[in-house]
Protein backbone atom coordinates (compact mmCIF):
# COMPACT_ATOMS: atom_id res chain seq x y z
CA UNK A 1 0.00 0.00 0.00
CA UNK A 2 1.54 3.31 -1.10
CA UNK A 3 1.89 6.19 1.43
CA UNK A 4 -0.80 8.36 -0.18
CA UNK A 5 -3.27 5.49 -0.13
CA UNK A 6 -2.36 4.72 3.49
CA UNK A 7 -2.99 8.34 4.39
CA UNK A 8 -6.32 8.42 2.57
CA UNK A 9 -7.51 5.38 4.53
CA UNK A 10 -6.39 6.82 7.88
CA UNK A 11 -7.55 10.39 7.33
CA UNK A 12 -11.15 9.37 6.71
CA UNK A 13 -11.68 8.59 10.39
CA UNK A 14 -8.58 9.85 12.20
CA UNK A 15 -8.56 13.28 10.47
CA UNK A 16 -5.95 14.71 8.08
CA UNK A 17 -3.61 15.60 10.96
CA UNK A 18 -4.02 12.09 12.47
CA UNK A 19 -5.12 13.64 15.79
CA UNK A 20 -8.31 11.59 15.90
CA UNK A 21 -12.02 12.33 16.16
CA UNK A 22 -15.02 10.61 17.70
CA UNK A 23 -14.17 6.96 18.44
CA UNK A 24 -11.16 7.13 16.11
CA UNK A 25 -8.22 7.55 18.51
CA UNK A 26 -5.22 9.79 17.78
CA UNK A 27 -2.54 8.09 15.68
CA UNK A 28 0.16 10.54 16.67
CA UNK A 29 1.24 12.30 19.84
CA UNK A 30 1.13 11.59 23.59
CA UNK A 31 -2.05 9.52 23.46
CA UNK A 32 -0.56 7.15 20.89
CA UNK A 33 2.72 6.91 22.79
CA UNK A 34 1.03 6.18 26.12
CA UNK A 35 -0.58 3.18 24.49
CA UNK A 36 2.27 1.94 22.31
CA UNK A 37 5.65 3.12 23.64
CA UNK A 38 6.12 -0.04 25.72
CA UNK A 39 5.06 -2.40 22.94
CA UNK A 40 6.79 -3.71 19.86
CA UNK A 41 6.36 -3.06 16.18
CA UNK A 42 5.26 -6.68 15.84
CA UNK A 43 2.39 -6.02 18.26
CA UNK A 44 1.37 -2.91 16.33
CA UNK A 45 1.31 -4.80 13.03
CA UNK A 46 -0.73 -7.58 14.64
CA UNK A 47 -3.21 -5.12 16.15
CA UNK A 48 -3.71 -3.31 12.86
CA UNK A 49 -4.24 -6.56 10.99
CA UNK A 50 -7.16 -7.61 13.20
CA UNK A 51 -8.84 -4.22 13.55
CA UNK A 52 -8.38 -2.34 10.26
CA UNK A 53 -10.30 -1.44 8.26
CA UNK A 54 -13.16 -1.31 10.77
CA UNK A 55 -16.58 -2.82 10.06
CA UNK A 56 -18.58 -2.80 7.87
CA UNK A 57 -15.35 -3.37 5.92
CA UNK A 58 -13.44 -6.58 6.63
CA UNK A 59 -10.58 -6.27 9.16
CA UNK A 60 -7.47 -8.03 7.89
CA UNK A 61 -8.46 -7.65 4.25
CA UNK A 62 -5.66 -5.30 3.17
CA UNK A 63 -2.94 -7.92 2.86
CA UNK A 64 -0.05 -8.66 5.22
CA UNK A 65 2.46 -6.24 3.65
CA UNK A 66 -0.05 -3.40 3.78
CA UNK A 67 -0.22 -3.69 7.56
CA UNK A 68 3.56 -3.60 7.80
CA UNK A 69 3.57 -0.48 5.61
CA UNK A 70 0.86 1.05 7.75
CA UNK A 71 2.84 0.39 10.93
CA UNK A 72 5.91 2.00 9.35
CA UNK A 73 3.78 4.98 8.35
CA UNK A 74 2.57 5.44 11.94
CA UNK A 75 6.07 5.13 13.36
CA UNK A 76 7.32 7.77 10.92
CA UNK A 77 4.37 9.99 11.86
CA UNK A 78 5.47 9.75 15.48
CA UNK A 79 9.03 10.84 14.83
CA UNK A 80 10.78 7.56 14.05
CA UNK A 81 13.50 8.01 11.44
CA UNK A 82 13.52 5.57 8.52
CA UNK A 83 16.38 3.11 9.02
CA UNK A 84 18.39 1.06 6.60
CA UNK A 85 16.70 -2.09 7.86
CA UNK A 86 13.30 -2.96 6.49
CA UNK A 87 10.44 -3.23 8.99
CA UNK A 88 8.86 -6.68 9.08
CA UNK A 89 5.83 -8.20 10.73
CA UNK A 90 8.17 -10.02 13.13
CA UNK A 91 10.11 -6.94 14.27
CA UNK A 92 10.56 -6.87 18.05
CA UNK A 93 11.92 -3.33 18.25
CA UNK A 94 10.30 -1.33 21.05
CA UNK A 95 8.21 1.51 19.68
CA UNK A 96 9.33 3.77 22.49
CA UNK A 97 12.96 3.30 21.47
CA UNK A 98 12.43 4.66 17.95
CA UNK A 99 9.39 6.96 18.16
CA UNK A 100 8.99 10.17 20.17
CA UNK A 101 5.35 11.04 19.53
CA UNK A 102 6.41 14.27 17.82
CA UNK A 103 5.68 14.62 14.13
CA UNK A 104 8.54 16.13 12.15
CA UNK A 105 8.01 19.23 10.04
CA UNK A 106 8.92 17.24 6.93
CA UNK A 107 6.34 14.57 7.67
CA UNK A 108 3.70 17.22 8.44
CA UNK A 109 4.42 18.84 5.10
CA UNK A 110 4.07 15.49 3.35
CA UNK A 111 0.67 14.98 4.99
CA UNK A 112 -0.48 18.37 3.81
CA UNK A 113 0.57 17.64 0.24
CA UNK A 114 -1.11 14.22 0.30
CA UNK A 115 -4.40 15.43 1.79
CA UNK A 116 -7.33 15.27 -0.62
CA UNK A 117 -8.66 18.65 -1.69
CA UNK A 118 -11.48 19.90 0.51
CA UNK A 119 -14.85 20.61 -1.11
CA UNK A 120 -15.26 24.23 -2.11
CA UNK A 121 -16.28 26.24 0.91
CA UNK A 122 -15.75 23.40 3.37
CA UNK A 123 -13.39 25.40 5.54
CA UNK A 124 -14.78 28.78 4.53
CA UNK A 125 -17.62 30.79 5.94
CA UNK A 126 -17.70 33.23 8.79
CA UNK A 127 -18.27 32.28 12.39
CA UNK A 128 -20.50 34.05 14.88
CA UNK A 129 -24.16 35.02 14.55
CA UNK A 130 -25.29 34.09 11.04
CA UNK A 131 -29.04 34.55 11.64
CA UNK A 132 -29.94 37.25 14.15
CA UNK A 133 -33.07 36.95 16.24
CA UNK A 134 -34.37 37.18 19.78
CA UNK A 135 -36.98 35.32 21.79
CA UNK A 136 -39.76 37.65 22.90
CA UNK A 137 -39.85 36.00 26.31
CA UNK A 138 -37.58 33.64 28.17
CA UNK A 139 -38.02 31.92 31.52
CA UNK A 140 -34.65 31.09 33.14
CA UNK A 141 -34.02 27.40 33.82
CA UNK A 142 -33.69 26.77 37.54
CA UNK A 143 -32.27 24.00 39.69
CA UNK A 144 -35.83 22.99 40.57
CA UNK A 145 -36.70 22.56 36.88
CA UNK A 146 -33.67 20.35 36.31
CA UNK A 147 -34.50 18.19 39.33
CA UNK A 148 -38.14 17.85 38.30
CA UNK A 149 -38.48 18.62 34.61
CA UNK A 150 -41.69 20.33 33.44
CA UNK A 151 -43.66 17.80 31.40
CA UNK A 152 -43.55 19.89 28.22
CA UNK A 153 -39.80 20.60 28.44
CA UNK A 154 -36.77 18.46 27.58
CA UNK A 155 -33.93 20.24 29.37
CA UNK A 156 -31.09 17.76 29.07
CA UNK A 157 -29.81 14.84 27.09
CA UNK A 158 -31.86 11.69 27.83
CA UNK A 159 -34.50 13.75 29.61
CA UNK A 160 -33.37 13.72 33.22
CA UNK A 161 -30.42 12.96 35.48
CA UNK A 162 -31.50 9.31 35.60
CA UNK A 163 -31.31 9.13 31.78
CA UNK A 164 -34.77 7.60 31.47
CA UNK A 165 -35.40 8.85 27.91
CA UNK A 166 -39.05 9.10 28.95
CA UNK A 167 -41.56 11.90 28.48
CA UNK A 168 -44.60 12.30 30.73
CA UNK A 169 -46.65 13.82 27.91
CA UNK A 170 -49.76 11.68 27.37
CA UNK A 171 -51.63 13.24 24.45
CA UNK A 172 -50.37 10.56 22.05
CA UNK A 173 -51.92 7.19 22.86
CA UNK A 174 -52.34 3.82 21.21
CA UNK A 175 -55.75 4.95 20.10
CA UNK A 176 -54.65 8.08 18.23
CA UNK A 177 -51.04 7.44 17.21
CA UNK A 178 -52.21 6.56 13.70
CA UNK A 179 -53.45 10.12 13.25
CA UNK A 180 -50.00 11.68 13.55
CA UNK A 181 -48.92 13.73 10.52
CA UNK A 182 -45.83 15.59 9.46
CA UNK A 183 -45.85 19.25 10.54
CA UNK A 184 -42.42 20.49 9.45
CA UNK A 185 -38.93 19.38 8.40
CA UNK A 186 -35.61 21.03 9.21
CA UNK A 187 -32.45 20.42 7.15
CA UNK A 188 -29.32 20.19 9.31
CA UNK A 189 -25.73 20.81 8.22
CA UNK A 190 -24.33 18.16 5.87
CA UNK A 191 -21.08 16.37 5.20
CA UNK A 192 -20.58 13.98 8.10
CA UNK A 193 -22.25 12.46 11.15
CA UNK A 194 -25.18 14.28 12.71
CA UNK A 195 -25.82 12.93 16.22
CA UNK A 196 -27.74 15.76 17.91
CA UNK A 197 -29.35 15.80 21.34
CA UNK A 198 -31.64 18.86 21.24
CA UNK A 199 -33.10 20.50 24.32
CA UNK A 200 -36.56 22.07 24.47
CA UNK A 201 -37.67 24.86 26.78
CA UNK A 202 -40.97 26.77 26.65
CA UNK A 203 -41.66 25.84 23.04
CA UNK A 204 -38.17 26.57 21.71
CA UNK A 205 -36.00 23.75 20.37
CA UNK A 206 -32.24 24.32 20.68
CA UNK A 207 -30.36 22.21 18.15
CA UNK A 208 -26.66 21.40 17.79
CA UNK A 209 -25.47 20.73 14.24
CA UNK A 210 -22.25 19.21 12.99
CA UNK A 211 -19.64 21.91 12.53
CA UNK A 212 -20.38 23.65 15.84
CA UNK A 213 -23.52 25.31 14.49
CA UNK A 214 -26.14 26.06 17.16
CA UNK A 215 -29.72 27.00 16.30
CA UNK A 216 -32.91 27.99 18.10
CA UNK A 217 -36.15 26.91 16.38
CA UNK A 218 -39.80 27.54 17.12
CA UNK A 219 -40.81 23.97 17.97
CA UNK A 220 -44.40 24.54 16.79
CA UNK A 221 -43.62 25.94 13.36
CA UNK A 222 -40.02 24.96 12.63
CA UNK A 223 -39.07 28.59 12.01
CA UNK A 224 -35.48 29.59 12.76
CA UNK A 225 -35.16 32.17 15.55
CA UNK A 226 -31.36 32.54 15.61
CA UNK A 227 -28.21 30.73 14.50
CA UNK A 228 -24.65 30.97 15.80
CA UNK A 229 -21.77 29.35 13.93
CA UNK A 230 -19.67 28.96 17.04
CA UNK A 231 -16.76 27.49 15.11
CA UNK A 232 -14.55 25.98 14.08
CA UNK A 233 -16.42 24.94 10.96
CA UNK A 234 -14.75 21.54 11.11
CA UNK A 235 -14.29 19.06 8.25
CA UNK A 236 -16.77 16.29 7.59
CA UNK A 237 -16.83 13.42 10.04
CA UNK A 238 -16.94 15.26 13.37
CA UNK A 239 -20.26 15.10 15.19
CA UNK A 240 -21.72 17.01 18.11
CA UNK A 241 -23.94 15.08 20.48
CA UNK A 242 -25.22 17.45 23.10
CA UNK A 243 -25.85 20.88 24.53
CA UNK A 244 -27.06 21.98 27.95
CA UNK A 245 -29.26 24.76 29.28
CA UNK A 246 -29.24 26.46 32.68
CA UNK A 247 -30.38 29.88 33.89
CA UNK A 248 -30.40 32.05 30.76
CA UNK A 249 -27.58 30.29 28.91
CA UNK A 250 -26.87 27.39 26.58
CA UNK A 251 -23.60 25.51 27.05
CA UNK A 252 -21.75 24.00 24.13
CA UNK A 253 -18.68 21.74 24.19
CA UNK A 254 -16.98 22.42 20.87
CA UNK A 255 -14.82 20.12 18.78
CA UNK A 256 -11.70 22.18 19.50
CA UNK A 257 -11.94 21.72 23.28
CA UNK A 258 -13.73 24.93 24.24
CA UNK A 259 -16.68 25.40 26.56
CA UNK A 260 -18.92 28.15 25.17
CA UNK A 261 -21.86 29.83 26.90
CA UNK A 262 -24.51 31.38 24.64
CA UNK A 263 -27.36 33.69 25.62
CA UNK A 264 -30.43 31.50 25.14
CA UNK A 265 -32.56 34.43 23.95
CA UNK A 266 -30.21 35.68 21.21
CA UNK A 267 -27.48 33.09 20.64
CA UNK A 268 -24.76 35.64 21.36
CA UNK A 269 -21.59 34.31 23.02
CA UNK A 270 -21.47 35.33 26.69
CA UNK A 271 -18.14 33.69 27.50
CA UNK A 272 -15.91 30.87 26.39
CA UNK A 273 -13.01 28.96 27.91
CA UNK A 274 -10.44 26.47 26.64
CA UNK A 275 -10.81 23.27 28.68
CA UNK A 276 -8.20 21.05 27.04
CA UNK A 277 -5.44 20.73 24.49
CA UNK A 278 -6.54 18.59 21.56
CA UNK A 279 -2.90 17.69 20.88
CA UNK A 280 -2.24 16.36 24.38
CA UNK A 281 -5.53 14.66 25.22
CA UNK A 282 -8.29 12.79 23.47
CA UNK A 283 -11.32 13.49 25.63
CA UNK A 284 -12.09 17.11 24.71
CA UNK A 285 -11.26 16.61 21.02
CA UNK A 286 -14.87 15.75 20.41
CA UNK A 287 -18.04 16.82 22.14
CA UNK A 288 -19.08 13.42 23.42
CA UNK A 289 -22.33 14.52 24.97
CA UNK A 290 -24.19 17.30 26.72
CA UNK A 291 -21.61 19.08 28.89
CA UNK A 292 -23.82 19.57 31.95
CA UNK A 293 -25.36 16.13 32.16
CA UNK A 294 -22.94 13.48 30.98
CA UNK A 295 -19.27 12.56 30.96
CA UNK A 296 -16.81 10.93 28.59
CA UNK A 297 -18.22 8.53 26.00
CA UNK A 298 -21.72 9.95 26.49
CA UNK A 299 -22.38 8.04 29.73
CA UNK A 300 -24.67 10.06 32.03
CA UNK A 301 -23.37 11.04 35.44
CA UNK A 302 -25.17 9.33 38.29
CA UNK A 303 -25.50 12.40 40.48
CA UNK A 304 -26.93 15.88 39.81
CA UNK A 305 -24.43 18.43 38.61
CA UNK A 306 -24.67 22.19 38.29
CA UNK A 307 -24.11 23.97 35.00
CA UNK A 308 -21.60 26.83 35.15
CA UNK A 309 -22.67 30.47 34.89
CA UNK A 310 -19.09 31.72 34.41
CA UNK A 311 -15.92 30.33 32.82
CA UNK A 312 -13.96 27.74 34.83
CA UNK A 313 -10.85 29.13 36.58
CA UNK A 314 -7.77 29.29 34.37
CA UNK A 315 -5.90 26.77 36.53
CA UNK A 316 -8.45 24.12 35.55
CA UNK A 317 -8.38 24.68 31.81
CA UNK A 318 -5.61 22.23 30.91
CA UNK A 319 -6.95 19.02 32.41
CA UNK A 320 -10.46 18.36 31.02
CA UNK A 321 -11.54 16.21 33.95
CA UNK A 322 -10.61 18.94 36.44
CA UNK A 323 -12.24 21.55 34.21
CA UNK A 324 -15.53 19.69 34.34
CA UNK A 325 -15.18 19.21 38.09
CA UNK A 326 -14.60 22.92 38.57
CA UNK A 327 -17.45 23.93 36.29
CA UNK A 328 -20.11 21.58 37.62
CA UNK A 329 -19.86 21.18 41.36
CA UNK A 330 -22.10 18.49 42.91
CA UNK A 331 -25.03 19.78 44.88
Foldseek 3Di string as FASTA:
>chain_A
DDPLVLQVLQCVACNLLQLGADPGHRLFADVVCVPAQAFFLLVQLVVQQCCPPHPPPHRNPPDSVVSQVNSVLSLQQQPFDDDPDRGHNPGRDRSNVGGHRHGDPVNSVVSVVSDDDAPVCLQDDDFFWPFWAFDPDDDFAAPVCQQPPDLPWQFFFCRHLVSVVDGPDDPDDPVCVVVDDDQDDDDADDQADEAERWTGDPQWIWIAGQQRKIWIARNRRRHTRIIGNNDDRDHYHAYAYEWGGGTQWIWGLDQQQKIWIAGNGTRGTPDMARQEHSNHDPFSNHNCYYLQAPGGNRHGDNAHWDAAPDQFDPVRRHHNVSRSCRGTPGD
